[in-house]
Protein backbone atom coordinates (compact mmCIF):
# COMPACT_ATOMS: atom_id res chain seq x y z
CA MET A 1 -6.25 -105.44 -63.33
CA CYS A 2 -8.43 -106.54 -66.11
CA LYS A 3 -9.71 -109.53 -63.76
CA ASN A 4 -10.64 -106.78 -61.36
CA LEU A 5 -12.63 -104.92 -63.77
CA VAL A 6 -14.69 -108.13 -64.89
CA ASN A 7 -15.64 -108.65 -61.18
CA SER A 8 -15.86 -105.61 -59.69
CA PRO A 9 -14.60 -102.38 -60.52
CA ASP A 10 -12.67 -100.26 -57.68
CA GLU A 11 -13.07 -96.80 -57.28
CA SER A 12 -10.50 -95.74 -59.12
CA THR A 13 -11.50 -96.88 -62.39
CA ARG A 14 -15.10 -95.63 -61.98
CA VAL A 15 -16.09 -92.05 -63.35
CA ARG A 16 -18.45 -89.36 -61.71
CA GLY A 17 -20.76 -86.45 -62.80
CA LEU A 18 -20.91 -85.24 -66.32
CA TRP A 19 -18.01 -87.93 -67.36
CA LYS A 20 -20.55 -90.76 -66.23
CA VAL A 21 -23.24 -89.33 -68.44
CA VAL A 22 -20.71 -88.93 -71.40
CA TYR A 23 -19.72 -92.70 -70.67
CA ILE A 24 -23.01 -93.95 -70.47
CA PHE A 25 -23.73 -92.17 -74.07
CA LEU A 26 -20.52 -93.55 -75.65
CA ALA A 27 -21.70 -97.23 -74.08
CA THR A 28 -25.08 -96.90 -75.71
CA VAL A 29 -23.38 -95.86 -79.34
CA PHE A 30 -20.95 -98.54 -79.20
CA PHE A 31 -23.96 -100.99 -78.06
CA VAL A 32 -26.13 -99.88 -81.18
CA SER A 33 -23.13 -100.15 -83.73
CA GLY A 34 -22.48 -103.49 -82.64
CA MET A 35 -26.15 -104.48 -83.04
CA PHE A 36 -25.91 -103.28 -86.44
CA GLY A 37 -22.68 -105.21 -86.85
CA VAL A 38 -24.92 -108.47 -86.11
CA VAL A 39 -26.72 -107.87 -89.27
CA LEU A 40 -24.09 -105.97 -91.38
CA PRO A 41 -21.17 -108.58 -92.52
CA VAL A 42 -18.97 -105.36 -93.18
CA LEU A 43 -19.47 -103.69 -89.82
CA PRO A 44 -17.60 -105.66 -86.82
CA THR A 45 -19.54 -106.61 -83.89
CA THR A 46 -17.34 -107.38 -81.00
CA PRO A 47 -15.00 -104.54 -80.92
CA PHE A 48 -18.09 -102.37 -80.50
CA LEU A 49 -19.43 -104.79 -77.63
CA LEU A 50 -15.61 -104.31 -75.95
CA LEU A 51 -15.61 -100.70 -76.04
CA MET A 52 -19.40 -100.54 -74.67
CA SER A 53 -18.50 -102.80 -71.72
CA TYR A 54 -15.27 -100.49 -71.40
CA PHE A 55 -17.78 -97.49 -70.97
CA LEU A 56 -20.12 -99.38 -68.65
CA ILE A 57 -17.89 -101.08 -66.56
CA ARG A 58 -16.52 -97.60 -65.85
CA SER A 59 -19.81 -95.54 -65.33
CA SER A 60 -22.47 -98.34 -64.30
CA PRO A 61 -21.42 -101.71 -63.07
CA TRP A 62 -24.83 -102.24 -62.54
CA LEU A 63 -25.76 -102.16 -66.24
CA TYR A 64 -22.61 -103.76 -67.11
CA LYS A 65 -23.59 -106.69 -65.05
CA ARG A 66 -27.04 -106.61 -66.88
CA PHE A 67 -25.51 -106.76 -70.29
CA ILE A 68 -23.29 -109.74 -69.21
CA ARG A 69 -25.98 -111.78 -68.23
CA LEU A 70 -27.43 -111.31 -72.02
CA ALA A 71 -27.05 -114.79 -73.58
CA ILE A 72 -26.67 -113.70 -77.10
CA VAL A 73 -23.91 -110.51 -76.60
CA GLY A 74 -22.80 -111.34 -73.17
CA THR A 75 -21.82 -114.86 -73.62
CA PRO A 76 -19.17 -114.23 -76.06
CA ILE A 77 -17.75 -111.08 -74.27
CA ARG A 78 -17.30 -113.00 -71.00
CA ASP A 79 -15.20 -115.83 -72.93
CA TRP A 80 -13.00 -112.58 -74.34
CA ARG A 81 -12.63 -111.09 -71.21
CA GLU A 82 -12.31 -114.08 -68.85
CA LYS A 83 -10.82 -116.66 -71.01
CA ARG A 84 -9.16 -114.51 -74.03
CA GLY A 85 -10.66 -116.92 -76.60
CA VAL A 86 -13.69 -117.35 -78.71
CA ARG A 87 -15.70 -120.98 -78.87
CA ARG A 88 -15.72 -122.99 -81.80
CA HIS A 89 -18.97 -122.48 -82.88
CA VAL A 90 -19.20 -118.63 -82.86
CA LYS A 91 -15.94 -118.61 -85.40
CA MET A 92 -18.17 -121.02 -87.37
CA VAL A 93 -21.40 -118.77 -87.75
CA ALA A 94 -18.86 -115.93 -88.37
CA TYR A 95 -17.80 -117.40 -91.29
CA VAL A 96 -21.16 -118.29 -92.90
CA MET A 97 -22.41 -115.03 -92.23
CA ILE A 98 -20.07 -113.14 -93.64
CA LEU A 99 -19.20 -115.58 -96.71
CA GLY A 100 -23.29 -115.95 -97.33
CA VAL A 101 -24.15 -112.07 -96.96
CA VAL A 102 -20.96 -110.92 -98.96
CA VAL A 103 -21.36 -113.70 -101.78
CA ILE A 104 -25.21 -113.13 -102.26
CA THR A 105 -24.52 -109.30 -102.33
CA LEU A 106 -22.05 -109.58 -104.89
CA LEU A 107 -24.00 -111.73 -107.07
CA SER A 108 -27.38 -110.09 -107.00
CA THR A 109 -26.01 -106.53 -107.28
CA GLN A 110 -24.29 -104.82 -110.32
CA ILE A 111 -21.58 -103.24 -108.93
CA GLY A 112 -18.13 -101.91 -110.62
CA LEU A 113 -15.19 -104.70 -110.71
CA LEU A 114 -12.98 -102.27 -108.24
CA ILE A 115 -15.77 -102.11 -105.49
CA LYS A 116 -16.30 -106.29 -105.70
CA VAL A 117 -12.40 -106.60 -105.32
CA SER A 118 -12.38 -104.25 -102.59
CA THR A 119 -15.07 -105.98 -100.80
CA LEU A 120 -13.43 -109.35 -101.24
CA SER A 121 -10.56 -108.00 -100.06
CA LEU A 122 -11.70 -106.55 -96.75
CA VAL A 123 -13.64 -109.95 -96.22
CA ALA A 124 -10.56 -112.02 -96.79
CA ILE A 125 -8.85 -109.60 -93.83
CA GLY A 126 -12.00 -110.24 -91.72
CA ILE A 127 -11.78 -113.87 -92.06
CA GLY A 128 -7.84 -113.65 -91.31
CA VAL A 129 -8.66 -112.22 -88.26
CA ILE A 130 -11.12 -114.45 -87.29
CA TRP A 131 -9.19 -117.13 -87.98
CA ARG A 132 -6.46 -116.14 -85.78
CA LEU A 133 -8.57 -115.79 -82.57
CA PRO A 134 -8.00 -118.11 -79.71
CA VAL A 135 -10.80 -121.24 -79.81
CA LEU A 136 -12.00 -122.31 -76.68
CA ASP A 137 -12.43 -125.99 -76.06
């Protein structure tokens, strides 16, 4: 069924009327959240973009196809939906960005030890999640 949704959604998965407006609104909210995740290391990007694609494909296949054609965000989503994996360089960029931003932030701010330890714990969880993602060769 998921493969069918990637190419062309059938009529049973499409929403109409007020639900279509709600779905497009939610897709917009998740897209904006995902874009914040691009620049904020503690906010994930991919889950928001996957949610956005879920709502778009059911409300506006035309918008979904346009989104998927975007090089920066469309390619990783296509890779995940079609091949269930992430390219190696995407994982490397994620590691570098997370570690770089967090280390710079922790060294340049004067926050309590508890917040630093909490932040490092969350970073470790995030890196663990990235580590477990299948790599596309």
